[in-house]
């Protein structure tokens, strides 16, 4: 993911081009609106926005953060198993039919 900074004037002149870049390349666009950084705005694709929103939600509670951190540590420590989708589908079928 790359980040590009442009002025509001440049954005007005090339709006379609910038929006195409953002939506096609997952690029984030920072639009400055003067010398005060607080006036700047960010333009991003809906996919990037949704990913950030989901990450924010998943990290919003202490319990979720701990579970995610433990999962990452297990993955990095080689403490994971690989399962085929067919194996997982078989487990679901057995549970829903009352077999164990």
Protein backbone atom coordinates (compact mmCIF):
# COMPACT_ATOMS: atom_id res chain seq x y z
CA UNK A 1 0.00 0.00 0.00
CA UNK A 2 1.44 3.33 -1.00
CA UNK A 3 0.61 6.79 0.20
CA UNK A 4 0.57 9.91 -1.97
CA UNK A 5 0.16 13.48 -0.76
CA UNK A 6 -1.46 16.09 -3.01
CA UNK A 7 -2.84 19.56 -2.62
CA UNK A 8 -6.53 20.34 -2.79
CA UNK A 9 -5.89 22.28 -6.00
CA UNK A 10 -4.24 19.28 -7.62
CA UNK A 11 -7.09 17.05 -6.48
CA UNK A 12 -9.65 19.40 -8.07
CA UNK A 13 -7.71 19.44 -11.35
CA UNK A 14 -7.24 15.66 -11.55
CA UNK A 15 -10.06 14.24 -9.41
CA UNK A 16 -10.98 11.31 -11.66
CA UNK A 17 -7.35 10.30 -12.14
CA UNK A 18 -6.68 10.33 -8.38
CA UNK A 19 -9.86 8.44 -7.56
CA UNK A 20 -9.01 5.82 -10.20
CA UNK A 21 -5.54 5.41 -8.67
CA UNK A 22 -6.99 4.96 -5.19
CA UNK A 23 -9.62 2.43 -6.23
CA UNK A 24 -7.38 0.44 -8.61
CA UNK A 25 -4.19 0.23 -6.57
CA UNK A 26 -5.31 0.41 -2.93
CA UNK A 27 -3.27 3.62 -2.75
CA UNK A 28 -4.08 6.07 0.04
CA UNK A 29 -4.28 9.73 -0.88
CA UNK A 30 -3.59 12.49 1.65
CA UNK A 31 -5.03 15.84 0.60
CA UNK A 32 -3.43 18.84 2.28
CA UNK A 33 -5.69 21.84 2.76
CA UNK A 34 -3.28 24.45 4.02
CA UNK A 35 -0.37 24.58 6.40
CA UNK A 36 -2.26 23.03 9.32
CA UNK A 37 -1.96 19.22 9.26
CA UNK A 38 -5.28 18.93 11.10
CA UNK A 39 -7.03 20.27 8.00
CA UNK A 40 -5.76 17.43 5.79
CA UNK A 41 -8.09 14.63 4.68
CA UNK A 42 -7.47 11.05 3.59
CA UNK A 43 -9.03 9.32 0.60
CA UNK A 44 -8.87 5.52 0.52
CA UNK A 45 -10.61 2.66 -1.24
CA UNK A 46 -13.65 1.04 0.34
CA UNK A 47 -11.63 -2.18 0.72
CA UNK A 48 -8.96 -0.38 2.72
CA UNK A 49 -11.58 1.37 4.83
CA UNK A 50 -13.39 -1.91 5.54
CA UNK A 51 -10.11 -3.62 6.50
CA UNK A 52 -9.23 -0.80 8.91
CA UNK A 53 -12.72 -0.87 10.40
CA UNK A 54 -12.59 -4.64 10.89
CA UNK A 55 -9.14 -4.45 12.46
CA UNK A 56 -10.33 -1.70 14.79
CA UNK A 57 -13.33 -3.82 15.80
CA UNK A 58 -11.21 -6.95 16.38
CA UNK A 59 -8.73 -5.00 18.49
CA UNK A 60 -11.42 -3.09 20.41
CA UNK A 61 -11.51 -5.40 23.43
CA UNK A 62 -8.73 -6.69 25.62
CA UNK A 63 -9.93 -10.31 25.26
CA UNK A 64 -9.90 -10.14 21.45
CA UNK A 65 -6.43 -8.58 21.41
CA UNK A 66 -5.10 -11.35 23.69
CA UNK A 67 -6.64 -14.10 21.50
CA UNK A 68 -5.23 -12.56 18.33
CA UNK A 69 -1.79 -12.08 19.88
CA UNK A 70 -1.80 -15.70 21.10
CA UNK A 71 -2.79 -16.89 17.63
CA UNK A 72 -0.01 -14.88 16.01
CA UNK A 73 2.51 -16.23 18.52
CA UNK A 74 1.35 -19.81 17.81
CA UNK A 75 1.70 -19.23 14.08
CA UNK A 76 5.16 -17.70 14.42
CA UNK A 77 6.20 -20.49 16.80
CA UNK A 78 5.18 -23.20 14.36
CA UNK A 79 2.41 -24.45 16.66
CA UNK A 80 -0.27 -24.66 13.99
CA UNK A 81 -1.86 -27.46 11.98
CA UNK A 82 -2.90 -27.51 8.37
CA UNK A 83 -6.31 -28.95 7.56
CA UNK A 84 -7.98 -29.48 4.22
CA UNK A 85 -11.31 -27.79 3.69
CA UNK A 86 -12.85 -31.21 3.02
CA UNK A 87 -11.78 -32.35 6.51
CA UNK A 88 -13.44 -29.32 8.09
CA UNK A 89 -16.61 -29.79 6.05
CA UNK A 90 -16.75 -33.38 7.32
CA UNK A 91 -16.66 -32.15 10.92
CA UNK A 92 -19.51 -29.74 10.27
CA UNK A 93 -21.63 -32.44 8.63
CA UNK A 94 -21.09 -34.84 11.53
CA UNK A 95 -22.07 -32.23 14.14
CA UNK A 96 -25.19 -31.07 12.32
CA UNK A 97 -26.45 -34.63 11.86
CA UNK A 98 -26.00 -35.40 15.57
CA UNK A 99 -23.00 -37.72 15.08
CA UNK A 100 -19.78 -37.17 16.96
